[in-house]
Amino acid sequence: MTMAQTKEAMTTGALTQLCRLEDVDEDMPFRAEIDGFAYAVFKVGDMFYVTADLCSHGPGSLSEGFVEDCQVECPFHQGKFDLRTGMPTEPPCEIPIKTWTPIVRDGAIFIDVASPNPV
């Protein structure tokens, strides 16, 4: 897998645009930074998922990880997380990562930064 693309996100009202739809595909997750916090945007089939980019176990960037069966494998210690819930699915990861509900609108992916999904 190649390195994820990165760019600063754009805030519009309560929603923040993370990327354009064409910025992310199944082989290339996308990394967006907002006020120093990094988000990873994934595409699996026709679905998009947004998680915190930083692994909860170590300094791995999840947008650089391997995605299979709606799970992302951290490139640092090979632990895995469910993209839908943020829950760890393989050790050594034990602490969930935050997820957000992506909103697809006008050819772009947005989230409400202030409203992560419950863990």
PDB file of N, CA and C in Angstrom:
ATOM      1  N   MET A   1       0.852  -1.180   0.000  1.00  0.00           N
ATOM      2  CA  MET A   1       0.000   0.000   0.000  1.00  0.00           C
ATOM      3  C   MET A   1       0.893   1.237   0.000  1.00  0.00           C
ATOM      4  N   THR A   2       0.491   2.245  -0.704  1.00  0.00           N
ATOM      5  CA  THR A   2       1.265   3.467  -0.761  1.00  0.00           C
ATOM      6  C   THR A   2       0.903   4.378   0.402  1.00  0.00           C
ATOM      7  N   MET A   3       1.723   5.369   0.629  1.00  0.00           N
ATOM      8  CA  MET A   3       1.471   6.324   1.705  1.00  0.00           C
ATOM      9  C   MET A   3       0.158   7.052   1.462  1.00  0.00           C
ATOM     10  N   ALA A   4      -0.571   7.314   2.533  1.00  0.00           N
ATOM     11  CA  ALA A   4      -1.826   8.042   2.422  1.00  0.00           C
ATOM     12  C   ALA A   4      -1.548   9.493   2.054  1.00  0.00           C
ATOM     13  N   GLN A   5      -2.483  10.090   1.365  1.00  0.00           N
ATOM     14  CA  GLN A   5      -2.377  11.503   1.051  1.00  0.00           C
ATOM     15  C   GLN A   5      -2.739  12.295   2.301  1.00  0.00           C
ATOM     16  N   THR A   6      -2.214  13.493   2.424  1.00  0.00           N
ATOM     17  CA  THR A   6      -2.497  14.347   3.569  1.00  0.00           C
ATOM     18  C   THR A   6      -2.759  15.761   3.093  1.00  0.00           C
ATOM     19  N   LYS A   7      -3.732  16.396   3.714  1.00  0.00           N
ATOM     20  CA  LYS A   7      -3.917  17.827   3.511  1.00  0.00           C
ATOM     21  C   LYS A   7      -4.730  18.374   4.661  1.00  0.00           C
ATOM     22  N   GLU A   8      -4.666  19.656   4.856  1.00  0.00           N
ATOM     23  CA  GLU A   8      -5.452  20.301   5.893  1.00  0.00           C
ATOM     24  C   GLU A   8      -6.928  20.257   5.513  1.00  0.00           C
ATOM     25  N   ALA A   9      -7.759  19.991   6.492  1.00  0.00           N
ATOM     26  CA  ALA A   9      -9.192  19.925   6.253  1.00  0.00           C
ATOM     27  C   ALA A   9      -9.798  21.335   6.233  1.00  0.00           C
ATOM     28  N   MET A  10     -11.009  21.427   5.713  1.00  0.00           N
ATOM     29  CA  MET A  10     -11.695  22.697   5.612  1.00  0.00           C
ATOM     30  C   MET A  10     -12.993  22.618   6.423  1.00  0.00           C
ATOM     31  N   THR A  11     -13.193  23.562   7.333  1.00  0.00           N
ATOM     32  CA  THR A  11     -14.380  23.567   8.175  1.00  0.00           C
ATOM     33  C   THR A  11     -15.460  24.439   7.541  1.00  0.00           C
ATOM     34  N   THR A  12     -16.686  23.880   7.505  1.00  0.00           N
ATOM     35  CA  THR A  12     -17.840  24.587   6.975  1.00  0.00           C
ATOM     36  C   THR A  12     -18.984  24.400   7.957  1.00  0.00           C
ATOM     37  N   GLY A  13     -19.302  25.425   8.735  1.00  0.00           N
ATOM     38  CA  GLY A  13     -20.341  25.295   9.741  1.00  0.00           C
ATOM     39  C   GLY A  13     -19.945  24.259  10.775  1.00  0.00           C
ATOM     40  N   ALA A  14     -20.884  23.378  11.142  1.00  0.00           N
ATOM     41  CA  ALA A  14     -20.608  22.333  12.123  1.00  0.00           C
ATOM     42  C   ALA A  14     -19.867  21.159  11.514  1.00  0.00           C
ATOM     43  N   LEU A  15     -19.844  21.083  10.185  1.00  0.00           N
ATOM     44  CA  LEU A  15     -19.178  19.966   9.514  1.00  0.00           C
ATOM     45  C   LEU A  15     -17.815  20.396   8.994  1.00  0.00           C
ATOM     46  N   THR A  16     -16.890  19.448   9.021  1.00  0.00           N
ATOM     47  CA  THR A  16     -15.545  19.684   8.520  1.00  0.00           C
ATOM     48  C   THR A  16     -15.291  18.758   7.343  1.00  0.00           C
ATOM     49  N   GLN A  17     -14.878  19.311   6.222  1.00  0.00           N
ATOM     50  CA  GLN A  17     -14.551  18.502   5.051  1.00  0.00           C
ATOM     51  C   GLN A  17     -13.169  17.903   5.251  1.00  0.00           C
ATOM     52  N   LEU A  18     -13.104  16.565   5.153  1.00  0.00           N
ATOM     53  CA  LEU A  18     -11.831  15.874   5.279  1.00  0.00           C
ATOM     54  C   LEU A  18     -11.148  15.702   3.938  1.00  0.00           C
ATOM     55  N   CYS A  19     -11.931  15.381   2.897  1.00  0.00           N
ATOM     56  CA  CYS A  19     -11.343  15.141   1.584  1.00  0.00           C
ATOM     57  C   CYS A  19     -12.444  15.081   0.541  1.00  0.00           C
ATOM     58  N   ARG A  20     -12.025  15.028  -0.707  1.00  0.00           N
ATOM     59  CA  ARG A  20     -12.926  14.787  -1.819  1.00  0.00           C
ATOM     60  C   ARG A  20     -13.072  13.273  -1.971  1.00  0.00           C
ATOM     61  N   LEU A  21     -14.141  12.818  -2.571  1.00  0.00           N
ATOM     62  CA  LEU A  21     -14.342  11.378  -2.769  1.00  0.00           C
ATOM     63  C   LEU A  21     -13.204  10.750  -3.562  1.00  0.00           C
ATOM     64  N   GLU A  22     -12.695  11.461  -4.553  1.00  0.00           N
ATOM     65  CA  GLU A  22     -11.628  10.896  -5.370  1.00  0.00           C
ATOM     66  C   GLU A  22     -10.280  10.845  -4.653  1.00  0.00           C
ATOM     67  N   ASP A  23     -10.173  11.457  -3.479  1.00  0.00           N
ATOM     68  CA  ASP A  23      -8.918  11.419  -2.712  1.00  0.00           C
ATOM     69  C   ASP A  23      -8.703  10.091  -2.003  1.00  0.00           C
ATOM     70  N   VAL A  24      -9.749   9.277  -1.875  1.00  0.00           N
ATOM     71  CA  VAL A  24      -9.646   8.024  -1.121  1.00  0.00           C
ATOM     72  C   VAL A  24     -10.212   6.882  -1.951  1.00  0.00           C
ATOM     73  N   ASP A  25      -9.517   5.755  -1.954  1.00  0.00           N
ATOM     74  CA  ASP A  25     -10.061   4.538  -2.548  1.00  0.00           C
ATOM     75  C   ASP A  25      -9.587   3.357  -1.706  1.00  0.00           C
ATOM     76  N   GLU A  26      -9.982   2.174  -2.108  1.00  0.00           N
ATOM     77  CA  GLU A  26      -9.691   1.001  -1.276  1.00  0.00           C
ATOM     78  C   GLU A  26      -8.202   0.731  -1.133  1.00  0.00           C
ATOM     79  N   ASP A  27      -7.416   1.163  -2.073  1.00  0.00           N
ATOM     80  CA  ASP A  27      -5.974   0.950  -1.995  1.00  0.00           C
ATOM     81  C   ASP A  27      -5.225   2.129  -1.398  1.00  0.00           C
ATOM     82  N   MET A  28      -5.893   3.250  -1.192  1.00  0.00           N
ATOM     83  CA  MET A  28      -5.225   4.444  -0.698  1.00  0.00           C
ATOM     84  C   MET A  28      -6.092   5.174   0.316  1.00  0.00           C
ATOM     85  N   PRO A  29      -5.964   4.849   1.612  1.00  0.00           N
ATOM     86  CA  PRO A  29      -6.659   5.652   2.622  1.00  0.00           C
ATOM     87  C   PRO A  29      -6.170   7.099   2.551  1.00  0.00           C
ATOM     88  N   PHE A  30      -6.894   7.979   3.209  1.00  0.00           N
ATOM     89  CA  PHE A  30      -6.564   9.398   3.185  1.00  0.00           C
ATOM     90  C   PHE A  30      -6.337   9.885   4.613  1.00  0.00           C
ATOM     91  N   ARG A  31      -5.356  10.739   4.799  1.00  0.00           N
ATOM     92  CA  ARG A  31      -5.055  11.320   6.113  1.00  0.00           C
ATOM     93  C   ARG A  31      -5.330  12.815   6.044  1.00  0.00           C
ATOM     94  N   ALA A  32      -6.142  13.313   6.986  1.00  0.00           N
ATOM     95  CA  ALA A  32      -6.447  14.743   7.066  1.00  0.00           C
ATOM     96  C   ALA A  32      -6.093  15.229   8.467  1.00  0.00           C
ATOM     97  N   GLU A  33      -5.592  16.449   8.570  1.00  0.00           N
ATOM     98  CA  GLU A  33      -5.270  17.032   9.869  1.00  0.00           C
ATOM     99  C   GLU A  33      -6.141  18.245  10.132  1.00  0.00           C
ATOM    100  N   ILE A  34      -6.667  18.305  11.353  1.00  0.00           N
ATOM    101  CA  ILE A  34      -7.488  19.431  11.783  1.00  0.00           C
ATOM    102  C   ILE A  34      -6.963  19.861  13.140  1.00  0.00           C
ATOM    103  N   ASP A  35      -6.482  21.062  13.227  1.00  0.00           N
ATOM    104  CA  ASP A  35      -5.952  21.604  14.481  1.00  0.00           C
ATOM    105  C   ASP A  35      -4.971  20.646  15.148  1.00  0.00           C
ATOM    106  N   GLY A  36      -4.105  20.042  14.359  1.00  0.00           N
ATOM    107  CA  GLY A  36      -3.072  19.162  14.903  1.00  0.00           C
ATOM    108  C   GLY A  36      -3.525  17.743  15.196  1.00  0.00           C
ATOM    109  N   PHE A  37      -4.797  17.405  14.945  1.00  0.00           N
ATOM    110  CA  PHE A  37      -5.306  16.049  15.156  1.00  0.00           C
ATOM    111  C   PHE A  37      -5.477  15.390  13.794  1.00  0.00           C
ATOM    112  N   ALA A  38      -4.985  14.158  13.655  1.00  0.00           N
ATOM    113  CA  ALA A  38      -5.034  13.472  12.365  1.00  0.00           C
ATOM    114  C   ALA A  38      -6.191  12.473  12.315  1.00  0.00           C
ATOM    115  N   TYR A  39      -6.887  12.464  11.186  1.00  0.00           N
ATOM    116  CA  TYR A  39      -7.996  11.558  10.902  1.00  0.00           C
ATOM    117  C   TYR A  39      -7.611  10.677   9.723  1.00  0.00           C
ATOM    118  N   ALA A  40      -8.088   9.428   9.733  1.00  0.00           N
ATOM    119  CA  ALA A  40      -7.875   8.516   8.613  1.00  0.00           C
ATOM    120  C   ALA A  40      -9.227   8.233   7.973  1.00  0.00           C
ATOM    121  N   VAL A  41      -9.292   8.344   6.655  1.00  0.00           N
ATOM    122  CA  VAL A  41     -10.517   8.079   5.902  1.00  0.00           C
ATOM    123  C   VAL A  41     -10.270   6.830   5.064  1.00  0.00           C
ATOM    124  N   PHE A  42     -11.159   5.856   5.209  1.00  0.00           N
ATOM    125  CA  PHE A  42     -11.028   4.577   4.523  1.00  0.00           C
ATOM    126  C   PHE A  42     -12.241   4.338   3.642  1.00  0.00           C
ATOM    127  N   LYS A  43     -12.031   3.585   2.567  1.00  0.00           N
ATOM    128  CA  LYS A  43     -13.133   3.140   1.720  1.00  0.00           C
ATOM    129  C   LYS A  43     -13.070   1.617   1.648  1.00  0.00           C
ATOM    130  N   VAL A  44     -14.200   0.985   1.954  1.00  0.00           N
ATOM    131  CA  VAL A  44     -14.336  -0.468   1.839  1.00  0.00           C
ATOM    132  C   VAL A  44     -15.614  -0.711   1.049  1.00  0.00           C
ATOM    133  N   GLY A  45     -15.467  -1.222  -0.165  1.00  0.00           N
ATOM    134  CA  GLY A  45     -16.635  -1.365  -1.035  1.00  0.00           C
ATOM    135  C   GLY A  45     -17.192   0.005  -1.347  1.00  0.00           C
ATOM    136  N   ASP A  46     -18.483   0.194  -1.088  1.00  0.00           N
ATOM    137  CA  ASP A  46     -19.130   1.487  -1.313  1.00  0.00           C
ATOM    138  C   ASP A  46     -19.195   2.340  -0.051  1.00  0.00           C
ATOM    139  N   MET A  47     -18.630   1.848   1.045  1.00  0.00           N
ATOM    140  CA  MET A  47     -18.734   2.526   2.337  1.00  0.00           C
ATOM    141  C   MET A  47     -17.456   3.279   2.679  1.00  0.00           C
ATOM    142  N   PHE A  48     -17.629   4.405   3.383  1.00  0.00           N
ATOM    143  CA  PHE A  48     -16.506   5.186   3.885  1.00  0.00           C
ATOM    144  C   PHE A  48     -16.509   5.116   5.401  1.00  0.00           C
ATOM    145  N   TYR A  49     -15.318   5.153   5.987  1.00  0.00           N
ATOM    146  CA  TYR A  49     -15.143   5.107   7.441  1.00  0.00           C
ATOM    147  C   TYR A  49     -14.103   6.143   7.837  1.00  0.00           C
ATOM    148  N   VAL A  50     -14.319   6.769   8.998  1.00  0.00           N
ATOM    149  CA  VAL A  50     -13.375   7.761   9.499  1.00  0.00           C
ATOM    150  C   VAL A  50     -12.981   7.369  10.914  1.00  0.00           C
ATOM    151  N   THR A  51     -11.660   7.301  11.146  1.00  0.00           N
ATOM    152  CA  THR A  51     -11.127   6.983  12.468  1.00  0.00           C
ATOM    153  C   THR A  51     -10.035   7.995  12.809  1.00  0.00           C
ATOM    154  N   ALA A  52      -9.625   7.963  14.072  1.00  0.00           N
ATOM    155  CA  ALA A  52      -8.397   8.661  14.443  1.00  0.00           C
ATOM    156  C   ALA A  52      -7.269   7.990  13.679  1.00  0.00           C
ATOM    157  N   ASP A  53      -6.302   8.746  13.226  1.00  0.00           N
ATOM    158  CA  ASP A  53      -5.212   8.164  12.448  1.00  0.00           C
ATOM    159  C   ASP A  53      -4.169   7.502  13.341  1.00  0.00           C
ATOM    160  N   LEU A  54      -3.984   7.989  14.548  1.00  0.00           N
ATOM    161  CA  LEU A  54      -2.959   7.455  15.436  1.00  0.00           C
ATOM    162  C   LEU A  54      -3.451   6.199  16.142  1.00  0.00           C
ATOM    163  N   CYS A  55      -2.674   5.130  16.048  1.00  0.00           N
ATOM    164  CA  CYS A  55      -2.981   3.886  16.748  1.00  0.00           C
ATOM    165  C   CYS A  55      -2.983   4.149  18.251  1.00  0.00           C
ATOM    166  N   SER A  56      -3.859   3.498  18.975  1.00  0.00           N
ATOM    167  CA  SER A  56      -3.929   3.673  20.434  1.00  0.00           C
ATOM    168  C   SER A  56      -2.837   2.899  21.161  1.00  0.00           C
ATOM    169  N   HIS A  57      -2.090   2.067  20.451  1.00  0.00           N
ATOM    170  CA  HIS A  57      -1.044   1.255  21.077  1.00  0.00           C
ATOM    171  C   HIS A  57       0.351   1.839  20.897  1.00  0.00           C
ATOM    172  N   GLY A  58       0.583   2.545  19.819  1.00  0.00           N
ATOM    173  CA  GLY A  58       1.913   3.078  19.538  1.00  0.00           C
ATOM    174  C   GLY A  58       1.855   4.157  18.495  1.00  0.00           C
ATOM    175  N   PRO A  59       2.995   4.548  17.948  1.00  0.00           N
ATOM    176  CA  PRO A  59       3.041   5.679  17.026  1.00  0.00           C
ATOM    177  C   PRO A  59       2.657   5.351  15.585  1.00  0.00           C
ATOM    178  N   GLY A  60       1.930   4.280  15.346  1.00  0.00           N
ATOM    179  CA  GLY A  60       1.554   3.914  13.979  1.00  0.00           C
ATOM    180  C   GLY A  60       0.483   4.818  13.397  1.00  0.00           C
ATOM    181  N   SER A  61       0.615   5.132  12.112  1.00  0.00           N
ATOM    182  CA  SER A  61      -0.373   5.903  11.379  1.00  0.00           C
ATOM    183  C   SER A  61      -1.300   4.917  10.674  1.00  0.00           C
ATOM    184  N   LEU A  62      -2.555   4.852  11.098  1.00  0.00           N
ATOM    185  CA  LEU A  62      -3.482   3.862  10.547  1.00  0.00           C
ATOM    186  C   LEU A  62      -3.776   4.099   9.073  1.00  0.00           C
ATOM    187  N   SER A  63      -3.650   5.336   8.607  1.00  0.00           N
ATOM    188  CA  SER A  63      -3.870   5.597   7.188  1.00  0.00           C
ATOM    189  C   SER A  63      -2.786   4.953   6.325  1.00  0.00           C
ATOM    190  N   GLU A  64      -1.722   4.489   6.938  1.00  0.00           N
ATOM    191  CA  GLU A  64      -0.666   3.770   6.226  1.00  0.00           C
ATOM    192  C   GLU A  64      -0.781   2.260   6.425  1.00  0.00           C
ATOM    193  N   GLY A  65      -1.852   1.818   7.107  1.00  0.00           N
ATOM    194  CA  GLY A  65      -2.045   0.403   7.403  1.00  0.00           C
ATOM    195  C   GLY A  65      -2.730  -0.358   6.289  1.00  0.00           C
ATOM    196  N   PHE A  66      -2.774  -1.664   6.466  1.00  0.00           N
ATOM    197  CA  PHE A  66      -3.400  -2.583   5.520  1.00  0.00           C
ATOM    198  C   PHE A  66      -4.854  -2.787   5.920  1.00  0.00           C
ATOM    199  N   VAL A  67      -5.776  -2.655   4.965  1.00  0.00           N
ATOM    200  CA  VAL A  67      -7.208  -2.792   5.232  1.00  0.00           C
ATOM    201  C   VAL A  67      -7.727  -4.075   4.607  1.00  0.00           C
ATOM    202  N   GLU A  68      -8.452  -4.872   5.422  1.00  0.00           N
ATOM    203  CA  GLU A  68      -9.080  -6.095   4.947  1.00  0.00           C
ATOM    204  C   GLU A  68     -10.260  -6.421   5.851  1.00  0.00           C
ATOM    205  N   ASP A  69     -11.380  -6.797   5.239  1.00  0.00           N
ATOM    206  CA  ASP A  69     -12.578  -7.191   5.992  1.00  0.00           C
ATOM    207  C   ASP A  69     -13.003  -6.153   7.019  1.00  0.00           C
ATOM    208  N   CYS A  70     -12.999  -4.883   6.634  1.00  0.00           N
ATOM    209  CA  CYS A  70     -13.423  -3.773   7.484  1.00  0.00           C
ATOM    210  C   CYS A  70     -12.551  -3.627   8.738  1.00  0.00           C
ATOM    211  N   GLN A  71     -11.314  -4.083   8.638  1.00  0.00           N
ATOM    212  CA  GLN A  71     -10.351  -3.907   9.713  1.00  0.00           C
ATOM    213  C   GLN A  71      -9.109  -3.244   9.137  1.00  0.00           C
ATOM    214  N   VAL A  72      -8.450  -2.430   9.945  1.00  0.00           N
ATOM    215  CA  VAL A  72      -7.181  -1.844   9.547  1.00  0.00           C
ATOM    216  C   VAL A  72      -6.096  -2.407  10.456  1.00  0.00           C
ATOM    217  N   GLU A  73      -5.002  -2.804   9.832  1.00  0.00           N
ATOM    218  CA  GLU A  73      -3.850  -3.317  10.577  1.00  0.00           C
ATOM    219  C   GLU A  73      -2.838  -2.191  10.731  1.00  0.00           C
ATOM    220  N   CYS A  74      -2.473  -1.902  11.972  1.00  0.00           N
ATOM    221  CA  CYS A  74      -1.503  -0.860  12.247  1.00  0.00           C
ATOM    222  C   CYS A  74      -0.134  -1.290  11.709  1.00  0.00           C
ATOM    223  N   PRO A  75       0.539  -0.407  10.992  1.00  0.00           N
ATOM    224  CA  PRO A  75       1.849  -0.771  10.441  1.00  0.00           C
ATOM    225  C   PRO A  75       2.950  -0.808  11.498  1.00  0.00           C
ATOM    226  N   PHE A  76       2.680  -0.365  12.705  1.00  0.00           N
ATOM    227  CA  PHE A  76       3.713  -0.306  13.748  1.00  0.00           C
ATOM    228  C   PHE A  76       3.886  -1.645  14.466  1.00  0.00           C
ATOM    229  N   HIS A  77       2.776  -2.193  15.018  1.00  0.00           N
ATOM    230  CA  HIS A  77       2.850  -3.468  15.748  1.00  0.00           C
ATOM    231  C   HIS A  77       1.869  -4.513  15.224  1.00  0.00           C
ATOM    232  N   GLN A  78       1.223  -4.266  14.104  1.00  0.00           N
ATOM    233  CA  GLN A  78       0.308  -5.181  13.434  1.00  0.00           C
ATOM    234  C   GLN A  78      -0.959  -5.507  14.228  1.00  0.00           C
ATOM    235  N   GLY A  79      -1.287  -4.710  15.219  1.00  0.00           N
ATOM    236  CA  GLY A  79      -2.591  -4.839  15.862  1.00  0.00           C
ATOM    237  C   GLY A  79      -3.658  -4.381  14.887  1.00  0.00           C
ATOM    238  N   LYS A  80      -4.914  -4.749  15.131  1.00  0.00           N
ATOM    239  CA  LYS A  80      -5.995  -4.403  14.208  1.00  0.00           C
ATOM    240  C   LYS A  80      -7.158  -3.752  14.940  1.00  0.00           C
ATOM    241  N   PHE A  81      -7.899  -2.937  14.174  1.00  0.00           N
ATOM    242  CA  PHE A  81      -9.096  -2.260  14.664  1.00  0.00           C
ATOM    243  C   PHE A  81     -10.225  -2.440  13.670  1.00  0.00           C
ATOM    244  N   ASP A  82     -11.453  -2.542  14.178  1.00  0.00           N
ATOM    245  CA  ASP A  82     -12.646  -2.563  13.339  1.00  0.00           C
ATOM    246  C   ASP A  82     -12.922  -1.128  12.897  1.00  0.00           C
ATOM    247  N   LEU A  83     -12.990  -0.891  11.601  1.00  0.00           N
ATOM    248  CA  LEU A  83     -13.217   0.455  11.088  1.00  0.00           C
ATOM    249  C   LEU A  83     -14.596   0.994  11.454  1.00  0.00           C
ATOM    250  N   ARG A  84     -15.556   0.111  11.662  1.00  0.00           N
ATOM    251  CA  ARG A  84     -16.925   0.544  11.965  1.00  0.00           C
ATOM    252  C   ARG A  84     -17.077   1.023  13.397  1.00  0.00           C
ATOM    253  N   THR A  85     -16.353   0.409  14.322  1.00  0.00           N
ATOM    254  CA  THR A  85     -16.546   0.703  15.744  1.00  0.00           C
ATOM    255  C   THR A  85     -15.319   1.283  16.428  1.00  0.00           C
ATOM    256  N   GLY A  86     -14.147   1.086  15.843  1.00  0.00           N
ATOM    257  CA  GLY A  86     -12.910   1.516  16.483  1.00  0.00           C
ATOM    258  C   GLY A  86     -12.391   0.529  17.516  1.00  0.00           C
ATOM    259  N   MET A  87     -13.110  -0.564  17.715  1.00  0.00           N
ATOM    260  CA  MET A  87     -12.698  -1.546  18.725  1.00  0.00           C
ATOM    261  C   MET A  87     -11.490  -2.343  18.234  1.00  0.00           C
ATOM    262  N   PRO A  88     -10.542  -2.631  19.129  1.00  0.00           N
ATOM    263  CA  PRO A  88      -9.407  -3.466  18.742  1.00  0.00           C
ATOM    264  C   PRO A  88      -9.872  -4.892  18.464  1.00  0.00           C
ATOM    265  N   THR A  89      -9.285  -5.509  17.424  1.00  0.00           N
ATOM    266  CA  THR A  89      -9.674  -6.879  17.063  1.00  0.00           C
ATOM    267  C   THR A  89      -8.497  -7.840  17.108  1.00  0.00           C
ATOM    268  N   GLU A  90      -7.276  -7.320  17.193  1.00  0.00           N
ATOM    269  CA  GLU A  90      -6.074  -8.158  17.291  1.00  0.00           C
ATOM    270  C   GLU A  90      -5.084  -7.475  18.229  1.00  0.00           C
ATOM    271  N   PRO A  91      -4.415  -8.271  19.082  1.00  0.00           N
ATOM    272  CA  PRO A  91      -3.387  -7.699  19.946  1.00  0.00           C
ATOM    273  C   PRO A  91      -2.195  -7.246  19.108  1.00  0.00           C
ATOM    274  N   PRO A  92      -1.406  -6.337  19.619  1.00  0.00           N
ATOM    275  CA  PRO A  92      -1.342  -5.890  21.001  1.00  0.00           C
ATOM    276  C   PRO A  92      -2.298  -4.751  21.326  1.00  0.00           C
ATOM    277  N   CYS A  93      -3.117  -4.317  20.378  1.00  0.00           N
ATOM    278  CA  CYS A  93      -4.040  -3.204  20.622  1.00  0.00           C
ATOM    279  C   CYS A  93      -5.143  -3.629  21.591  1.00  0.00           C
ATOM    280  N   GLU A  94      -5.390  -2.781  22.602  1.00  0.00           N
ATOM    281  CA  GLU A  94      -6.425  -3.059  23.601  1.00  0.00           C
ATOM    282  C   GLU A  94      -7.378  -1.891  23.792  1.00  0.00           C
ATOM    283  N   ILE A  95      -6.942  -0.699  23.432  1.00  0.00           N
ATOM    284  CA  ILE A  95      -7.740   0.507  23.640  1.00  0.00           C
ATOM    285  C   ILE A  95      -8.384   0.896  22.316  1.00  0.00           C
ATOM    286  N   PRO A  96      -9.710   1.125  22.302  1.00  0.00           N
ATOM    287  CA  PRO A  96     -10.385   1.518  21.053  1.00  0.00           C
ATOM    288  C   PRO A  96      -9.863   2.854  20.529  1.00  0.00           C
ATOM    289  N   ILE A  97     -10.030   3.071  19.248  1.00  0.00           N
ATOM    290  CA  ILE A  97      -9.755   4.361  18.628  1.00  0.00           C
ATOM    291  C   ILE A  97     -11.088   5.052  18.363  1.00  0.00           C
ATOM    292  N   LYS A  98     -11.069   6.372  18.288  1.00  0.00           N
ATOM    293  CA  LYS A  98     -12.289   7.119  17.999  1.00  0.00           C
ATOM    294  C   LYS A  98     -12.675   6.938  16.537  1.00  0.00           C
ATOM    295  N   THR A  99     -13.980   6.944  16.301  1.00  0.00           N
ATOM    296  CA  THR A  99     -14.528   6.913  14.948  1.00  0.00           C
ATOM    297  C   THR A  99     -15.554   8.035  14.814  1.00  0.00           C
ATOM    298  N   TRP A 100     -15.805   8.432  13.592  1.00  0.00           N
ATOM    299  CA  TRP A 100     -16.802   9.452  13.283  1.00  0.00           C
ATOM    300  C   TRP A 100     -17.665   8.947  12.141  1.00  0.00           C
ATOM    301  N   THR A 101     -18.893   9.400  12.106  1.00  0.00           N
ATOM    302  CA  THR A 101     -19.792   9.042  11.013  1.00  0.00           C
ATOM    303  C   THR A 101     -19.524   9.967   9.839  1.00  0.00           C
ATOM    304  N   PRO A 102     -19.073   9.413   8.713  1.00  0.00           N
ATOM    305  CA  PRO A 102     -18.817  10.270   7.557  1.00  0.00           C
ATOM    306  C   PRO A 102     -20.118  10.695   6.885  1.00  0.00           C
ATOM    307  N   ILE A 103     -20.124  11.919   6.418  1.00  0.00           N
ATOM    308  CA  ILE A 103     -21.258  12.459   5.684  1.00  0.00           C
ATOM    309  C   ILE A 103     -20.758  12.772   4.276  1.00  0.00           C
ATOM    310  N   VAL A 104     -21.349  12.115   3.290  1.00  0.00           N
ATOM    311  CA  VAL A 104     -20.952  12.318   1.897  1.00  0.00           C
ATOM    312  C   VAL A 104     -21.903  13.334   1.288  1.00  0.00           C
ATOM    313  N   ARG A 105     -21.312  14.428   0.823  1.00  0.00           N
ATOM    314  CA  ARG A 105     -22.136  15.509   0.278  1.00  0.00           C
ATOM    315  C   ARG A 105     -21.318  16.268  -0.762  1.00  0.00           C
ATOM    316  N   ASP A 106     -21.929  16.544  -1.888  1.00  0.00           N
ATOM    317  CA  ASP A 106     -21.301  17.367  -2.928  1.00  0.00           C
ATOM    318  C   ASP A 106     -19.910  16.853  -3.317  1.00  0.00           C
ATOM    319  N   GLY A 107     -19.769  15.527  -3.398  1.00  0.00           N
ATOM    320  CA  GLY A 107     -18.503  14.947  -3.837  1.00  0.00           C
ATOM    321  C   GLY A 107     -17.395  14.974  -2.813  1.00  0.00           C
ATOM    322  N   ALA A 108     -17.757  15.189  -1.544  1.00  0.00           N
ATOM    323  CA  ALA A 108     -16.744  15.269  -0.496  1.00  0.00           C
ATOM    324  C   ALA A 108     -17.192  14.489   0.741  1.00  0.00           C
ATOM    325  N   ILE A 109     -16.242  14.230   1.637  1.00  0.00           N
ATOM    326  CA  ILE A 109     -16.514  13.529   2.893  1.00  0.00           C
ATOM    327  C   ILE A 109     -16.327  14.517   4.041  1.00  0.00           C
ATOM    328  N   PHE A 110     -17.366  14.631   4.851  1.00  0.00           N
ATOM    329  CA  PHE A 110     -17.382  15.544   5.992  1.00  0.00           C
ATOM    330  C   PHE A 110     -17.592  14.746   7.277  1.00  0.00           C
ATOM    331  N   ILE A 111     -17.196  15.338   8.415  1.00  0.00           N
ATOM    332  CA  ILE A 111     -17.554  14.819   9.733  1.00  0.00           C
ATOM    333  C   ILE A 111     -17.873  16.004  10.639  1.00  0.00           C
ATOM    334  N   ASP A 112     -18.561  15.711  11.735  1.00  0.00           N
ATOM    335  CA  ASP A 112     -18.718  16.666  12.821  1.00  0.00           C
ATOM    336  C   ASP A 112     -17.607  16.338  13.808  1.00  0.00           C
ATOM    337  N   VAL A 113     -16.536  17.100  13.789  1.00  0.00           N
ATOM    338  CA  VAL A 113     -15.357  16.839  14.603  1.00  0.00           C
ATOM    339  C   VAL A 113     -15.715  16.721  16.083  1.00  0.00           C
ATOM    340  N   ALA A 114     -16.665  17.514  16.541  1.00  0.00           N
ATOM    341  CA  ALA A 114     -17.034  17.547  17.949  1.00  0.00           C
ATOM    342  C   ALA A 114     -17.905  16.375  18.376  1.00  0.00           C
ATOM    343  N   SER A 115     -18.312  15.517  17.442  1.00  0.00           N
ATOM    344  CA  SER A 115     -19.240  14.437  17.772  1.00  0.00           C
ATOM    345  C   SER A 115     -18.705  13.068  17.317  1.00  0.00           C
ATOM    346  N   PRO A 116     -17.661  12.552  17.992  1.00  0.00           N
ATOM    347  CA  PRO A 116     -17.220  11.192  17.645  1.00  0.00           C
ATOM    348  C   PRO A 116     -18.293  10.198  18.050  1.00  0.00           C
ATOM    349  N   ASN A 117     -18.274   9.035  17.417  1.00  0.00           N
ATOM    350  CA  ASN A 117     -19.222   7.973  17.759  1.00  0.00           C
ATOM    351  C   ASN A 117     -18.900   7.443  19.154  1.00  0.00           C
ATOM    352  N   PRO A 118     -19.919   6.976  19.886  1.00  0.00           N
ATOM    353  CA  PRO A 118     -19.645   6.368  21.191  1.00  0.00           C
ATOM    354  C   PRO A 118     -18.820   5.084  21.031  1.00  0.00           C
ATOM    355  N   VAL A 119     -17.959   4.839  21.997  1.00  0.00           N
ATOM    356  CA  VAL A 119     -17.113   3.647  21.962  1.00  0.00           C
ATOM    357  C   VAL A 119     -17.772   2.551  22.759  1.00  0.00           C
TER     358      VAL A 119
END
